[in-house]
Amino acid sequence: MAEEIKAPLAGKVISVLVSQGDSVEEDDEIMVLEAMKMETSVYSTADGKVSEIRVKTGDSVEEDDVLMILE
């Protein structure tokens, strides 16, 4: 079953730390967002394989936007 990883807050994507096809474990850091001049790490919510990355560095996101999907 697919697991959606969503943005914890509105901000700008400053770094994507994984690529499509990578295997990740729960609590691995996968992305960094910037909001109000503070960096916020985004962590995997489950073990799985990255099947889709829906954002890229420089994109603006809103809270609860889907950032990535794990299989």
C-alpha atoms as a PDB file:
ATOM      1  CA  MET A   1       0.000   0.000   0.000  1.00  0.00           C
ATOM      2  CA  ALA A   2       1.288   3.475  -0.889  1.00  0.00           C
ATOM      3  CA  GLU A   3       2.293   5.859   1.896  1.00  0.00           C
ATOM      4  CA  GLU A   4       2.008   9.601   1.224  1.00  0.00           C
ATOM      5  CA  ILE A   5       4.510  11.881   2.905  1.00  0.00           C
ATOM      6  CA  LYS A   6       2.991  15.320   3.393  1.00  0.00           C
ATOM      7  CA  ALA A   7       4.439  18.730   4.202  1.00  0.00           C
ATOM      8  CA  PRO A   8       4.283  19.443   7.939  1.00  0.00           C
ATOM      9  CA  LEU A   9       4.043  23.184   7.236  1.00  0.00           C
ATOM     10  CA  ALA A  10       3.995  25.724   4.424  1.00  0.00           C
ATOM     11  CA  GLY A  11       7.430  26.615   3.108  1.00  0.00           C
ATOM     12  CA  LYS A  12       9.985  26.267   0.341  1.00  0.00           C
ATOM     13  CA  VAL A  13      11.804  23.048  -0.578  1.00  0.00           C
ATOM     14  CA  ILE A  14      15.518  23.702  -0.134  1.00  0.00           C
ATOM     15  CA  SER A  15      16.810  20.136  -0.406  1.00  0.00           C
ATOM     16  CA  VAL A  16      15.548  16.722  -1.533  1.00  0.00           C
ATOM     17  CA  LEU A  17      17.803  14.091   0.036  1.00  0.00           C
ATOM     18  CA  VAL A  18      16.504  10.964  -1.741  1.00  0.00           C
ATOM     19  CA  SER A  19      15.847   9.933  -5.322  1.00  0.00           C
ATOM     20  CA  GLN A  20      13.117   7.910  -6.966  1.00  0.00           C
ATOM     21  CA  GLY A  21      13.831   4.216  -6.404  1.00  0.00           C
ATOM     22  CA  ASP A  22      15.734   4.747  -3.128  1.00  0.00           C
ATOM     23  CA  SER A  23      14.826   2.605  -0.136  1.00  0.00           C
ATOM     24  CA  VAL A  24      14.118   4.509   3.081  1.00  0.00           C
ATOM     25  CA  GLU A  25      13.357   3.541   6.638  1.00  0.00           C
ATOM     26  CA  GLU A  26      10.928   5.180   9.024  1.00  0.00           C
ATOM     27  CA  ASP A  27      12.448   8.361  10.507  1.00  0.00           C
ATOM     28  CA  ASP A  28      15.085   8.771   7.750  1.00  0.00           C
ATOM     29  CA  GLU A  29      15.542  12.441   6.809  1.00  0.00           C
ATOM     30  CA  ILE A  30      14.275  12.772   3.236  1.00  0.00           C
ATOM     31  CA  MET A  31      13.803  16.492   2.607  1.00  0.00           C
ATOM     32  CA  VAL A  32      14.447  19.944   4.077  1.00  0.00           C
ATOM     33  CA  LEU A  33      11.930  22.801   3.992  1.00  0.00           C
ATOM     34  CA  GLU A  34      12.509  26.436   4.859  1.00  0.00           C
ATOM     35  CA  ALA A  35       9.807  28.496   6.549  1.00  0.00           C
ATOM     36  CA  MET A  36      10.252  31.881   8.203  1.00  0.00           C
ATOM     37  CA  LYS A  37      14.055  31.597   7.694  1.00  0.00           C
ATOM     38  CA  MET A  38      14.168  28.348   9.684  1.00  0.00           C
ATOM     39  CA  GLU A  39      15.027  24.948   8.238  1.00  0.00           C
ATOM     40  CA  THR A  40      12.683  22.065   9.007  1.00  0.00           C
ATOM     41  CA  SER A  41      13.625  18.475   8.227  1.00  0.00           C
ATOM     42  CA  VAL A  42      10.994  16.135   6.804  1.00  0.00           C
ATOM     43  CA  TYR A  43      11.283  12.488   7.826  1.00  0.00           C
ATOM     44  CA  SER A  44       9.929   9.299   6.307  1.00  0.00           C
ATOM     45  CA  THR A  45       6.775   8.108   8.025  1.00  0.00           C
ATOM     46  CA  ALA A  46       7.309   4.454   7.057  1.00  0.00           C
ATOM     47  CA  ASP A  47       9.749   1.959   5.581  1.00  0.00           C
ATOM     48  CA  GLY A  48       9.519   1.694   1.815  1.00  0.00           C
ATOM     49  CA  LYS A  49      10.812   2.533  -1.620  1.00  0.00           C
ATOM     50  CA  VAL A  50      10.444   6.041  -3.075  1.00  0.00           C
ATOM     51  CA  SER A  51       8.048   5.599  -5.989  1.00  0.00           C
ATOM     52  CA  GLU A  52       7.309   9.250  -6.748  1.00  0.00           C
ATOM     53  CA  ILE A  53       8.721  12.639  -5.765  1.00  0.00           C
ATOM     54  CA  ARG A  54       6.184  15.390  -6.400  1.00  0.00           C
ATOM     55  CA  VAL A  55       8.357  18.425  -5.604  1.00  0.00           C
ATOM     56  CA  LYS A  56      11.799  19.727  -6.481  1.00  0.00           C
ATOM     57  CA  THR A  57      14.249  22.156  -4.902  1.00  0.00           C
ATOM     58  CA  GLY A  58      12.836  25.673  -5.027  1.00  0.00           C
ATOM     59  CA  ASP A  59       9.162  24.653  -5.025  1.00  0.00           C
ATOM     60  CA  SER A  60       6.788  26.308  -2.562  1.00  0.00           C
ATOM     61  CA  VAL A  61       4.475  23.960  -0.676  1.00  0.00           C
ATOM     62  CA  GLU A  62       1.471  24.368   1.575  1.00  0.00           C
ATOM     63  CA  GLU A  63       0.810  22.406   4.753  1.00  0.00           C
ATOM     64  CA  ASP A  64      -0.404  18.859   3.939  1.00  0.00           C
ATOM     65  CA  ASP A  65       0.727  18.980   0.273  1.00  0.00           C
ATOM     66  CA  VAL A  66       1.944  15.539  -0.822  1.00  0.00           C
ATOM     67  CA  LEU A  67       5.719  15.681  -1.185  1.00  0.00           C
ATOM     68  CA  MET A  68       6.499  12.084  -1.981  1.00  0.00           C
ATOM     69  CA  ILE A  69       4.952   8.616  -2.217  1.00  0.00           C
ATOM     70  CA  LEU A  70       6.478   5.432  -0.840  1.00  0.00           C
ATOM     71  CA  GLU A  71       5.586   1.904  -1.945  1.00  0.00           C
END
